[in-house]
Amino acid sequence: LANESITKSEFKPLRGTDTVAAVRERMKEEQVTALPVVDPTTQK
């Protein structure tokens, strides 16, 4: 089953204040084409 034991809990999601330039750089570093966005207050 999917649970925290097989996740990268230290992986930092995007926030609303992140710039497009920073997102592009982050995608390049992570070698991904999509990143999750989380509300920093609620962690939703």
ModelCIF file with pLDDT and N, C-alpha, C, O atoms, coordinates in Angstrom:
data_MODEL
#
_entry.id   MODEL 
#
_entity.id                         1 
_entity.type                       polymer 
_entity.pdbx_number_of_molecules   1 
#
_entity_poly.entity_id                      1 
_entity_poly.type                           'polypeptide(L)' 
_entity_poly.nstd_linkage                   no 
_entity_poly.nstd_monomer                   no 
_entity_poly.pdbx_seq_one_letter_code       LANESITKSEFKPLRGTDTVAAVRERMKEEQVTALPVVDPTTQK 
_entity_poly.pdbx_seq_one_letter_code_can   LANESITKSEFKPLRGTDTVAAVRERMKEEQVTALPVVDPTTQK 
_entity_poly.pdbx_strand_id                 A 
#
loop_
_entity_poly_seq.entity_id 
_entity_poly_seq.num 
_entity_poly_seq.mon_id 
_entity_poly_seq.hetero 
1 1  LEU n 
1 2  ALA n 
1 3  ASN n 
1 4  GLU n 
1 5  SER n 
1 6  ILE n 
1 7  THR n 
1 8  LYS n 
1 9  SER n 
1 10 GLU n 
1 11 PHE n 
1 12 LYS n 
1 13 PRO n 
1 14 LEU n 
1 15 ARG n 
1 16 GLY n 
1 17 THR n 
1 18 ASP n 
1 19 THR n 
1 20 VAL n 
1 21 ALA n 
1 22 ALA n 
1 23 VAL n 
1 24 ARG n 
1 25 GLU n 
1 26 ARG n 
1 27 MET n 
1 28 LYS n 
1 29 GLU n 
1 30 GLU n 
1 31 GLN n 
1 32 VAL n 
1 33 THR n 
1 34 ALA n 
1 35 LEU n 
1 36 PRO n 
1 37 VAL n 
1 38 VAL n 
1 39 ASP n 
1 40 PRO n 
1 41 THR n 
1 42 THR n 
1 43 GLN n 
1 44 LYS n 
#
_struct_asym.id          A 
_struct_asym.entity_id   1 
#
loop_
_ma_qa_metric.id 
_ma_qa_metric.mode 
_ma_qa_metric.name 
_ma_qa_metric.software_group_id 
_ma_qa_metric.type 
1 global pLDDT . pLDDT 
2 local  pLDDT . pLDDT 
#
_ma_qa_metric_global.metric_id      1 
_ma_qa_metric_global.metric_value   90.93 
_ma_qa_metric_global.model_id       1 
_ma_qa_metric_global.ordinal_id     1 
#
loop_
_ma_qa_metric_local.label_asym_id 
_ma_qa_metric_local.label_comp_id 
_ma_qa_metric_local.label_seq_id 
_ma_qa_metric_local.metric_id 
_ma_qa_metric_local.metric_value 
_ma_qa_metric_local.model_id 
_ma_qa_metric_local.ordinal_id 
A LEU 1  2 85.00 1 1  
A ALA 2  2 87.00 1 2  
A ASN 3  2 84.00 1 3  
A GLU 4  2 80.00 1 4  
A SER 5  2 81.00 1 5  
A ILE 6  2 80.00 1 6  
A THR 7  2 80.00 1 7  
A LYS 8  2 81.00 1 8  
A SER 9  2 78.00 1 9  
A GLU 10 2 85.00 1 10 
A PHE 11 2 89.00 1 11 
A LYS 12 2 92.00 1 12 
A PRO 13 2 94.00 1 13 
A LEU 14 2 95.00 1 14 
A ARG 15 2 94.00 1 15 
A GLY 16 2 93.00 1 16 
A THR 17 2 94.00 1 17 
A ASP 18 2 95.00 1 18 
A THR 19 2 96.00 1 19 
A VAL 20 2 95.00 1 20 
A ALA 21 2 95.00 1 21 
A ALA 22 2 95.00 1 22 
A VAL 23 2 95.00 1 23 
A ARG 24 2 95.00 1 24 
A GLU 25 2 95.00 1 25 
A ARG 26 2 94.00 1 26 
A MET 27 2 94.00 1 27 
A LYS 28 2 93.00 1 28 
A GLU 29 2 92.00 1 29 
A GLU 30 2 91.00 1 30 
A GLN 31 2 91.00 1 31 
A VAL 32 2 92.00 1 32 
A THR 33 2 91.00 1 33 
A ALA 34 2 93.00 1 34 
A LEU 35 2 94.00 1 35 
A PRO 36 2 94.00 1 36 
A VAL 37 2 95.00 1 37 
A VAL 38 2 95.00 1 38 
A ASP 39 2 93.00 1 39 
A PRO 40 2 92.00 1 40 
A THR 41 2 93.00 1 41 
A THR 42 2 94.00 1 42 
A GLN 43 2 93.00 1 43 
A LYS 44 2 94.00 1 44 
#
loop_
_atom_site.group_PDB 
_atom_site.id 
_atom_site.type_symbol 
_atom_site.label_atom_id 
_atom_site.label_alt_id 
_atom_site.label_comp_id 
_atom_site.label_asym_id 
_atom_site.label_entity_id 
_atom_site.label_seq_id 
_atom_site.pdbx_PDB_ins_code 
_atom_site.Cartn_x 
_atom_site.Cartn_y 
_atom_site.Cartn_z 
_atom_site.occupancy 
_atom_site.B_iso_or_equiv 
_atom_site.pdbx_formal_charge 
_atom_site.auth_seq_id 
_atom_site.auth_comp_id 
_atom_site.auth_asym_id 
_atom_site.auth_atom_id 
_atom_site.pdbx_PDB_model_num 
ATOM 1   N N  . LEU A 1 1  ? 0.821  -1.202 0.000   1.00 85.00 ? 1  LEU A N  1 
ATOM 2   C CA . LEU A 1 1  ? 0.000  0.000  0.000   1.00 85.00 ? 1  LEU A CA 1 
ATOM 3   C C  . LEU A 1 1  ? 0.860  1.258  0.000   1.00 85.00 ? 1  LEU A C  1 
ATOM 4   O O  . LEU A 1 1  ? 1.972  1.269  0.528   1.00 85.00 ? 1  LEU A O  1 
ATOM 5   N N  . ALA A 1 2  ? 0.327  2.314  -0.599  1.00 87.00 ? 2  ALA A N  1 
ATOM 6   C CA . ALA A 1 2  ? 1.026  3.597  -0.626  1.00 87.00 ? 2  ALA A CA 1 
ATOM 7   C C  . ALA A 1 2  ? 0.975  4.227  0.765   1.00 87.00 ? 2  ALA A C  1 
ATOM 8   O O  . ALA A 1 2  ? -0.102 4.414  1.330   1.00 87.00 ? 2  ALA A O  1 
ATOM 9   N N  . ASN A 1 3  ? 2.123  4.546  1.301   1.00 84.00 ? 3  ASN A N  1 
ATOM 10  C CA . ASN A 1 3  ? 2.185  5.199  2.610   1.00 84.00 ? 3  ASN A CA 1 
ATOM 11  C C  . ASN A 1 3  ? 3.498  5.967  2.724   1.00 84.00 ? 3  ASN A C  1 
ATOM 12  O O  . ASN A 1 3  ? 4.304  5.966  1.794   1.00 84.00 ? 3  ASN A O  1 
ATOM 13  N N  . GLU A 1 4  ? 3.709  6.614  3.852   1.00 80.00 ? 4  GLU A N  1 
ATOM 14  C CA . GLU A 1 4  ? 4.865  7.479  4.010   1.00 80.00 ? 4  GLU A CA 1 
ATOM 15  C C  . GLU A 1 4  ? 6.193  6.711  4.026   1.00 80.00 ? 4  GLU A C  1 
ATOM 16  O O  . GLU A 1 4  ? 7.253  7.309  3.841   1.00 80.00 ? 4  GLU A O  1 
ATOM 17  N N  . SER A 1 5  ? 6.141  5.389  4.246   1.00 81.00 ? 5  SER A N  1 
ATOM 18  C CA . SER A 1 5  ? 7.380  4.613  4.287   1.00 81.00 ? 5  SER A CA 1 
ATOM 19  C C  . SER A 1 5  ? 8.033  4.499  2.915   1.00 81.00 ? 5  SER A C  1 
ATOM 20  O O  . SER A 1 5  ? 9.228  4.213  2.830   1.00 81.00 ? 5  SER A O  1 
ATOM 21  N N  . ILE A 1 6  ? 7.275  4.715  1.835   1.00 80.00 ? 6  ILE A N  1 
ATOM 22  C CA . ILE A 1 6  ? 7.845  4.631  0.488   1.00 80.00 ? 6  ILE A CA 1 
ATOM 23  C C  . ILE A 1 6  ? 7.784  5.970  -0.230  1.00 80.00 ? 6  ILE A C  1 
ATOM 24  O O  . ILE A 1 6  ? 7.801  6.007  -1.461  1.00 80.00 ? 6  ILE A O  1 
ATOM 25  N N  . THR A 1 7  ? 7.713  7.066  0.509   1.00 80.00 ? 7  THR A N  1 
ATOM 26  C CA . THR A 1 7  ? 7.651  8.396  -0.100  1.00 80.00 ? 7  THR A CA 1 
ATOM 27  C C  . THR A 1 7  ? 8.911  9.190  0.203   1.00 80.00 ? 7  THR A C  1 
ATOM 28  O O  . THR A 1 7  ? 9.676  8.867  1.112   1.00 80.00 ? 7  THR A O  1 
ATOM 29  N N  . LYS A 1 8  ? 9.103  10.243 -0.593  1.00 81.00 ? 8  LYS A N  1 
ATOM 30  C CA . LYS A 1 8  ? 10.136 11.235 -0.299  1.00 81.00 ? 8  LYS A CA 1 
ATOM 31  C C  . LYS A 1 8  ? 9.447  12.367 0.465   1.00 81.00 ? 8  LYS A C  1 
ATOM 32  O O  . LYS A 1 8  ? 8.967  13.330 -0.133  1.00 81.00 ? 8  LYS A O  1 
ATOM 33  N N  . SER A 1 9  ? 9.405  12.239 1.779   1.00 78.00 ? 9  SER A N  1 
ATOM 34  C CA . SER A 1 9  ? 8.688  13.219 2.590   1.00 78.00 ? 9  SER A CA 1 
ATOM 35  C C  . SER A 1 9  ? 9.402  14.571 2.599   1.00 78.00 ? 9  SER A C  1 
ATOM 36  O O  . SER A 1 9  ? 8.788  15.598 2.889   1.00 78.00 ? 9  SER A O  1 
ATOM 37  N N  . GLU A 1 10 ? 10.709 14.568 2.280   1.00 85.00 ? 10 GLU A N  1 
ATOM 38  C CA . GLU A 1 10 ? 11.461 15.818 2.281   1.00 85.00 ? 10 GLU A CA 1 
ATOM 39  C C  . GLU A 1 10 ? 11.295 16.602 0.984   1.00 85.00 ? 10 GLU A C  1 
ATOM 40  O O  . GLU A 1 10 ? 11.783 17.727 0.875   1.00 85.00 ? 10 GLU A O  1 
ATOM 41  N N  . PHE A 1 11 ? 10.616 16.024 0.007   1.00 89.00 ? 11 PHE A N  1 
ATOM 42  C CA . PHE A 1 11 ? 10.401 16.681 -1.280  1.00 89.00 ? 11 PHE A CA 1 
ATOM 43  C C  . PHE A 1 11 ? 9.526  17.913 -1.083  1.00 89.00 ? 11 PHE A C  1 
ATOM 44  O O  . PHE A 1 11 ? 8.416  17.813 -0.562  1.00 89.00 ? 11 PHE A O  1 
ATOM 45  N N  . LYS A 1 12 ? 10.026 19.073 -1.499  1.00 92.00 ? 12 LYS A N  1 
ATOM 46  C CA . LYS A 1 12 ? 9.292  20.325 -1.289  1.00 92.00 ? 12 LYS A CA 1 
ATOM 47  C C  . LYS A 1 12 ? 8.379  20.624 -2.475  1.00 92.00 ? 12 LYS A C  1 
ATOM 48  O O  . LYS A 1 12 ? 8.861  20.771 -3.598  1.00 92.00 ? 12 LYS A O  1 
ATOM 49  N N  . PRO A 1 13 ? 7.079  20.715 -2.246  1.00 94.00 ? 13 PRO A N  1 
ATOM 50  C CA . PRO A 1 13 ? 6.150  21.054 -3.327  1.00 94.00 ? 13 PRO A CA 1 
ATOM 51  C C  . PRO A 1 13 ? 6.235  22.553 -3.642  1.00 94.00 ? 13 PRO A C  1 
ATOM 52  O O  . PRO A 1 13 ? 6.874  23.316 -2.917  1.00 94.00 ? 13 PRO A O  1 
ATOM 53  N N  . LEU A 1 14 ? 5.585  22.953 -4.725  1.00 95.00 ? 14 LEU A N  1 
ATOM 54  C CA . LEU A 1 14 ? 5.531  24.374 -5.072  1.00 95.00 ? 14 LEU A CA 1 
ATOM 55  C C  . LEU A 1 14 ? 4.572  25.108 -4.143  1.00 95.00 ? 14 LEU A C  1 
ATOM 56  O O  . LEU A 1 14 ? 3.668  24.522 -3.548  1.00 95.00 ? 14 LEU A O  1 
ATOM 57  N N  . ARG A 1 15 ? 4.808  26.422 -4.043  1.00 94.00 ? 15 ARG A N  1 
ATOM 58  C CA . ARG A 1 15 ? 3.903  27.311 -3.313  1.00 94.00 ? 15 ARG A CA 1 
ATOM 59  C C  . ARG A 1 15 ? 3.421  28.414 -4.249  1.00 94.00 ? 15 ARG A C  1 
ATOM 60  O O  . ARG A 1 15 ? 4.024  28.665 -5.292  1.00 94.00 ? 15 ARG A O  1 
ATOM 61  N N  . GLY A 1 16 ? 2.352  29.055 -3.872  1.00 93.00 ? 16 GLY A N  1 
ATOM 62  C CA . GLY A 1 16 ? 1.785  30.096 -4.726  1.00 93.00 ? 16 GLY A CA 1 
ATOM 63  C C  . GLY A 1 16 ? 2.720  31.252 -4.986  1.00 93.00 ? 16 GLY A C  1 
ATOM 64  O O  . GLY A 1 16 ? 2.576  31.939 -5.998  1.00 93.00 ? 16 GLY A O  1 
ATOM 65  N N  . THR A 1 17 ? 3.680  31.492 -4.100  1.00 94.00 ? 17 THR A N  1 
ATOM 66  C CA . THR A 1 17 ? 4.611  32.608 -4.239  1.00 94.00 ? 17 THR A CA 1 
ATOM 67  C C  . THR A 1 17 ? 5.827  32.287 -5.095  1.00 94.00 ? 17 THR A C  1 
ATOM 68  O O  . THR A 1 17 ? 6.618  33.182 -5.393  1.00 94.00 ? 17 THR A O  1 
ATOM 69  N N  . ASP A 1 18 ? 5.992  31.031 -5.497  1.00 95.00 ? 18 ASP A N  1 
ATOM 70  C CA . ASP A 1 18 ? 7.126  30.660 -6.347  1.00 95.00 ? 18 ASP A CA 1 
ATOM 71  C C  . ASP A 1 18 ? 6.989  31.313 -7.718  1.00 95.00 ? 18 ASP A C  1 
ATOM 72  O O  . ASP A 1 18 ? 5.891  31.365 -8.273  1.00 95.00 ? 18 ASP A O  1 
ATOM 73  N N  . THR A 1 19 ? 8.092  31.807 -8.264  1.00 96.00 ? 19 THR A N  1 
ATOM 74  C CA . THR A 1 19 ? 8.062  32.426 -9.580  1.00 96.00 ? 19 THR A CA 1 
ATOM 75  C C  . THR A 1 19 ? 8.151  31.372 -10.680 1.00 96.00 ? 19 THR A C  1 
ATOM 76  O O  . THR A 1 19 ? 8.595  30.247 -10.454 1.00 96.00 ? 19 THR A O  1 
ATOM 77  N N  . VAL A 1 20 ? 7.721  31.765 -11.868 1.00 95.00 ? 20 VAL A N  1 
ATOM 78  C CA . VAL A 1 20 ? 7.782  30.869 -13.019 1.00 95.00 ? 20 VAL A CA 1 
ATOM 79  C C  . VAL A 1 20 ? 9.231  30.484 -13.311 1.00 95.00 ? 20 VAL A C  1 
ATOM 80  O O  . VAL A 1 20 ? 9.508  29.340 -13.670 1.00 95.00 ? 20 VAL A O  1 
ATOM 81  N N  . ALA A 1 21 ? 10.156 31.436 -13.160 1.00 95.00 ? 21 ALA A N  1 
ATOM 82  C CA . ALA A 1 21 ? 11.570 31.144 -13.390 1.00 95.00 ? 21 ALA A CA 1 
ATOM 83  C C  . ALA A 1 21 ? 12.054 30.058 -12.429 1.00 95.00 ? 21 ALA A C  1 
ATOM 84  O O  . ALA A 1 21 ? 12.781 29.148 -12.827 1.00 95.00 ? 21 ALA A O  1 
ATOM 85  N N  . ALA A 1 22 ? 11.647 30.159 -11.168 1.00 95.00 ? 22 ALA A N  1 
ATOM 86  C CA . ALA A 1 22 ? 12.045 29.177 -10.162 1.00 95.00 ? 22 ALA A CA 1 
ATOM 87  C C  . ALA A 1 22 ? 11.433 27.812 -10.462 1.00 95.00 ? 22 ALA A C  1 
ATOM 88  O O  . ALA A 1 22 ? 12.075 26.783 -10.252 1.00 95.00 ? 22 ALA A O  1 
ATOM 89  N N  . VAL A 1 23 ? 10.197 27.799 -10.951 1.00 95.00 ? 23 VAL A N  1 
ATOM 90  C CA . VAL A 1 23 ? 9.526  26.536 -11.281 1.00 95.00 ? 23 VAL A CA 1 
ATOM 91  C C  . VAL A 1 23 ? 10.232 25.849 -12.441 1.00 95.00 ? 23 VAL A C  1 
ATOM 92  O O  . VAL A 1 23 ? 10.456 24.639 -12.414 1.00 95.00 ? 23 VAL A O  1 
ATOM 93  N N  . ARG A 1 24 ? 10.583 26.633 -13.463 1.00 95.00 ? 24 ARG A N  1 
ATOM 94  C CA . ARG A 1 24 ? 11.309 26.056 -14.603 1.00 95.00 ? 24 ARG A CA 1 
ATOM 95  C C  . ARG A 1 24 ? 12.619 25.422 -14.137 1.00 95.00 ? 24 ARG A C  1 
ATOM 96  O O  . ARG A 1 24 ? 12.955 24.308 -14.537 1.00 95.00 ? 24 ARG A O  1 
ATOM 97  N N  . GLU A 1 25 ? 13.353 26.140 -13.290 1.00 95.00 ? 25 GLU A N  1 
ATOM 98  C CA . GLU A 1 25 ? 14.621 25.634 -12.795 1.00 95.00 ? 25 GLU A CA 1 
ATOM 99  C C  . GLU A 1 25 ? 14.425 24.376 -11.951 1.00 95.00 ? 25 GLU A C  1 
ATOM 100 O O  . GLU A 1 25 ? 15.211 23.432 -12.027 1.00 95.00 ? 25 GLU A O  1 
ATOM 101 N N  . ARG A 1 26 ? 13.369 24.381 -11.152 1.00 94.00 ? 26 ARG A N  1 
ATOM 102 C CA . ARG A 1 26 ? 13.083 23.221 -10.296 1.00 94.00 ? 26 ARG A CA 1 
ATOM 103 C C  . ARG A 1 26 ? 12.750 21.992 -11.135 1.00 94.00 ? 26 ARG A C  1 
ATOM 104 O O  . ARG A 1 26 ? 13.208 20.890 -10.832 1.00 94.00 ? 26 ARG A O  1 
ATOM 105 N N  . MET A 1 27 ? 11.958 22.175 -12.184 1.00 94.00 ? 27 MET A N  1 
ATOM 106 C CA . MET A 1 27 ? 11.618 21.057 -13.056 1.00 94.00 ? 27 MET A CA 1 
ATOM 107 C C  . MET A 1 27 ? 12.852 20.504 -13.756 1.00 94.00 ? 27 MET A C  1 
ATOM 108 O O  . MET A 1 27 ? 12.983 19.296 -13.952 1.00 94.00 ? 27 MET A O  1 
ATOM 109 N N  . LYS A 1 28 ? 13.751 21.403 -14.126 1.00 93.00 ? 28 LYS A N  1 
ATOM 110 C CA . LYS A 1 28 ? 14.988 20.972 -14.770 1.00 93.00 ? 28 LYS A CA 1 
ATOM 111 C C  . LYS A 1 28 ? 15.837 20.168 -13.801 1.00 93.00 ? 28 LYS A C  1 
ATOM 112 O O  . LYS A 1 28 ? 16.404 19.141 -14.176 1.00 93.00 ? 28 LYS A O  1 
ATOM 113 N N  . GLU A 1 29 ? 15.930 20.625 -12.558 1.00 92.00 ? 29 GLU A N  1 
ATOM 114 C CA . GLU A 1 29 ? 16.720 19.932 -11.544 1.00 92.00 ? 29 GLU A CA 1 
ATOM 115 C C  . GLU A 1 29 ? 16.137 18.556 -11.222 1.00 92.00 ? 29 GLU A C  1 
ATOM 116 O O  . GLU A 1 29 ? 16.869 17.573 -11.102 1.00 92.00 ? 29 GLU A O  1 
ATOM 117 N N  . GLU A 1 30 ? 14.811 18.498 -11.086 1.00 91.00 ? 30 GLU A N  1 
ATOM 118 C CA . GLU A 1 30 ? 14.144 17.250 -10.705 1.00 91.00 ? 30 GLU A CA 1 
ATOM 119 C C  . GLU A 1 30 ? 13.910 16.330 -11.895 1.00 91.00 ? 30 GLU A C  1 
ATOM 120 O O  . GLU A 1 30 ? 13.576 15.158 -11.719 1.00 91.00 ? 30 GLU A O  1 
ATOM 121 N N  . GLN A 1 31 ? 14.086 16.863 -13.128 1.00 91.00 ? 31 GLN A N  1 
ATOM 122 C CA . GLN A 1 31 ? 13.842 16.111 -14.359 1.00 91.00 ? 31 GLN A CA 1 
ATOM 123 C C  . GLN A 1 31 ? 12.409 15.599 -14.420 1.00 91.00 ? 31 GLN A C  1 
ATOM 124 O O  . GLN A 1 31 ? 12.158 14.422 -14.679 1.00 91.00 ? 31 GLN A O  1 
ATOM 125 N N  . VAL A 1 32 ? 11.468 16.527 -14.173 1.00 92.00 ? 32 VAL A N  1 
ATOM 126 C CA . VAL A 1 32 ? 10.044 16.210 -14.220 1.00 92.00 ? 32 VAL A CA 1 
ATOM 127 C C  . VAL A 1 32 ? 9.334  17.243 -15.084 1.00 92.00 ? 32 VAL A C  1 
ATOM 128 O O  . VAL A 1 32 ? 9.890  18.299 -15.388 1.00 92.00 ? 32 VAL A O  1 
ATOM 129 N N  . THR A 1 33 ? 8.112  16.934 -15.476 1.00 91.00 ? 33 THR A N  1 
ATOM 130 C CA . THR A 1 33 ? 7.322  17.860 -16.291 1.00 91.00 ? 33 THR A CA 1 
ATOM 131 C C  . THR A 1 33 ? 6.085  18.362 -15.550 1.00 91.00 ? 33 THR A C  1 
ATOM 132 O O  . THR A 1 33 ? 5.278  19.093 -16.124 1.00 91.00 ? 33 THR A O  1 
ATOM 133 N N  . ALA A 1 34 ? 5.927  17.977 -14.285 1.00 93.00 ? 34 ALA A N  1 
ATOM 134 C CA . ALA A 1 34 ? 4.802  18.448 -13.473 1.00 93.00 ? 34 ALA A CA 1 
ATOM 135 C C  . ALA A 1 34 ? 5.212  18.442 -12.007 1.00 93.00 ? 34 ALA A C  1 
ATOM 136 O O  . ALA A 1 34 ? 5.923  17.546 -11.552 1.00 93.00 ? 34 ALA A O  1 
ATOM 137 N N  . LEU A 1 35 ? 4.751  19.459 -11.270 1.00 94.00 ? 35 LEU A N  1 
ATOM 138 C CA . LEU A 1 35 ? 5.051  19.555 -9.844  1.00 94.00 ? 35 LEU A CA 1 
ATOM 139 C C  . LEU A 1 35 ? 3.788  19.909 -9.073  1.00 94.00 ? 35 LEU A C  1 
ATOM 140 O O  . LEU A 1 35 ? 2.985  20.709 -9.552  1.00 94.00 ? 35 LEU A O  1 
ATOM 141 N N  . PRO A 1 36 ? 3.592  19.332 -7.889  1.00 94.00 ? 36 PRO A N  1 
ATOM 142 C CA . PRO A 1 36 ? 2.410  19.629 -7.079  1.00 94.00 ? 36 PRO A CA 1 
ATOM 143 C C  . PRO A 1 36 ? 2.529  21.001 -6.405  1.00 94.00 ? 36 PRO A C  1 
ATOM 144 O O  . PRO A 1 36 ? 3.624  21.490 -6.125  1.00 94.00 ? 36 PRO A O  1 
ATOM 145 N N  . VAL A 1 37 ? 1.362  21.599 -6.155  1.00 95.00 ? 37 VAL A N  1 
ATOM 146 C CA . VAL A 1 37 ? 1.299  22.896 -5.467  1.00 95.00 ? 37 VAL A CA 1 
ATOM 147 C C  . VAL A 1 37 ? 0.527  22.701 -4.164  1.00 95.00 ? 37 VAL A C  1 
ATOM 148 O O  . VAL A 1 37 ? -0.564 22.131 -4.151  1.00 95.00 ? 37 VAL A O  1 
ATOM 149 N N  . VAL A 1 38 ? 1.114  23.185 -3.072  1.00 95.00 ? 38 VAL A N  1 
ATOM 150 C CA . VAL A 1 38 ? 0.527  23.011 -1.742  1.00 95.00 ? 38 VAL A CA 1 
ATOM 151 C C  . VAL A 1 38 ? 0.310  24.360 -1.073  1.00 95.00 ? 38 VAL A C  1 
ATOM 152 O O  . VAL A 1 38 ? 1.149  25.254 -1.192  1.00 95.00 ? 38 VAL A O  1 
ATOM 153 N N  . ASP A 1 39 ? -0.804 24.513 -0.374  1.00 93.00 ? 39 ASP A N  1 
ATOM 154 C CA . ASP A 1 39 ? -1.054 25.695 0.446   1.00 93.00 ? 39 ASP A CA 1 
ATOM 155 C C  . ASP A 1 39 ? -0.146 25.611 1.671   1.00 93.00 ? 39 ASP A C  1 
ATOM 156 O O  . ASP A 1 39 ? -0.272 24.667 2.452   1.00 93.00 ? 39 ASP A O  1 
ATOM 157 N N  . PRO A 1 40 ? 0.769  26.570 1.865   1.00 92.00 ? 40 PRO A N  1 
ATOM 158 C CA . PRO A 1 40 ? 1.723  26.470 2.972   1.00 92.00 ? 40 PRO A CA 1 
ATOM 159 C C  . PRO A 1 40 ? 1.094  26.559 4.353   1.00 92.00 ? 40 PRO A C  1 
ATOM 160 O O  . PRO A 1 40 ? 1.685  26.112 5.336   1.00 92.00 ? 40 PRO A O  1 
ATOM 161 N N  . THR A 1 41 ? -0.104 27.133 4.434   1.00 93.00 ? 41 THR A N  1 
ATOM 162 C CA . THR A 1 41 ? -0.776 27.274 5.732   1.00 93.00 ? 41 THR A CA 1 
ATOM 163 C C  . THR A 1 41 ? -1.472 25.993 6.155   1.00 93.00 ? 41 THR A C  1 
ATOM 164 O O  . THR A 1 41 ? -1.334 25.543 7.292   1.00 93.00 ? 41 THR A O  1 
ATOM 165 N N  . THR A 1 42 ? -2.227 25.408 5.223   1.00 94.00 ? 42 THR A N  1 
ATOM 166 C CA . THR A 1 42 ? -3.016 24.220 5.541   1.00 94.00 ? 42 THR A CA 1 
ATOM 167 C C  . THR A 1 42 ? -2.315 22.919 5.164   1.00 94.00 ? 42 THR A C  1 
ATOM 168 O O  . THR A 1 42 ? -2.705 21.842 5.612   1.00 94.00 ? 42 THR A O  1 
ATOM 169 N N  . GLN A 1 43 ? -1.266 23.030 4.328   1.00 93.00 ? 43 GLN A N  1 
ATOM 170 C CA . GLN A 1 43 ? -0.570 21.855 3.778   1.00 93.00 ? 43 GLN A CA 1 
ATOM 171 C C  . GLN A 1 43 ? -1.479 20.994 2.908   1.00 93.00 ? 43 GLN A C  1 
ATOM 172 O O  . GLN A 1 43 ? -1.229 19.804 2.716   1.00 93.00 ? 43 GLN A O  1 
ATOM 173 N N  . LYS A 1 44 ? -2.548 21.618 2.379   1.00 94.00 ? 44 LYS A N  1 
ATOM 174 C CA . LYS A 1 44 ? -3.447 20.911 1.475   1.00 94.00 ? 44 LYS A CA 1 
ATOM 175 C C  . LYS A 1 44 ? -2.896 20.977 0.047   1.00 94.00 ? 44 LYS A C  1 
ATOM 176 O O  . LYS A 1 44 ? -3.507 20.439 -0.876  1.00 94.00 ? 44 LYS A O  1 
#
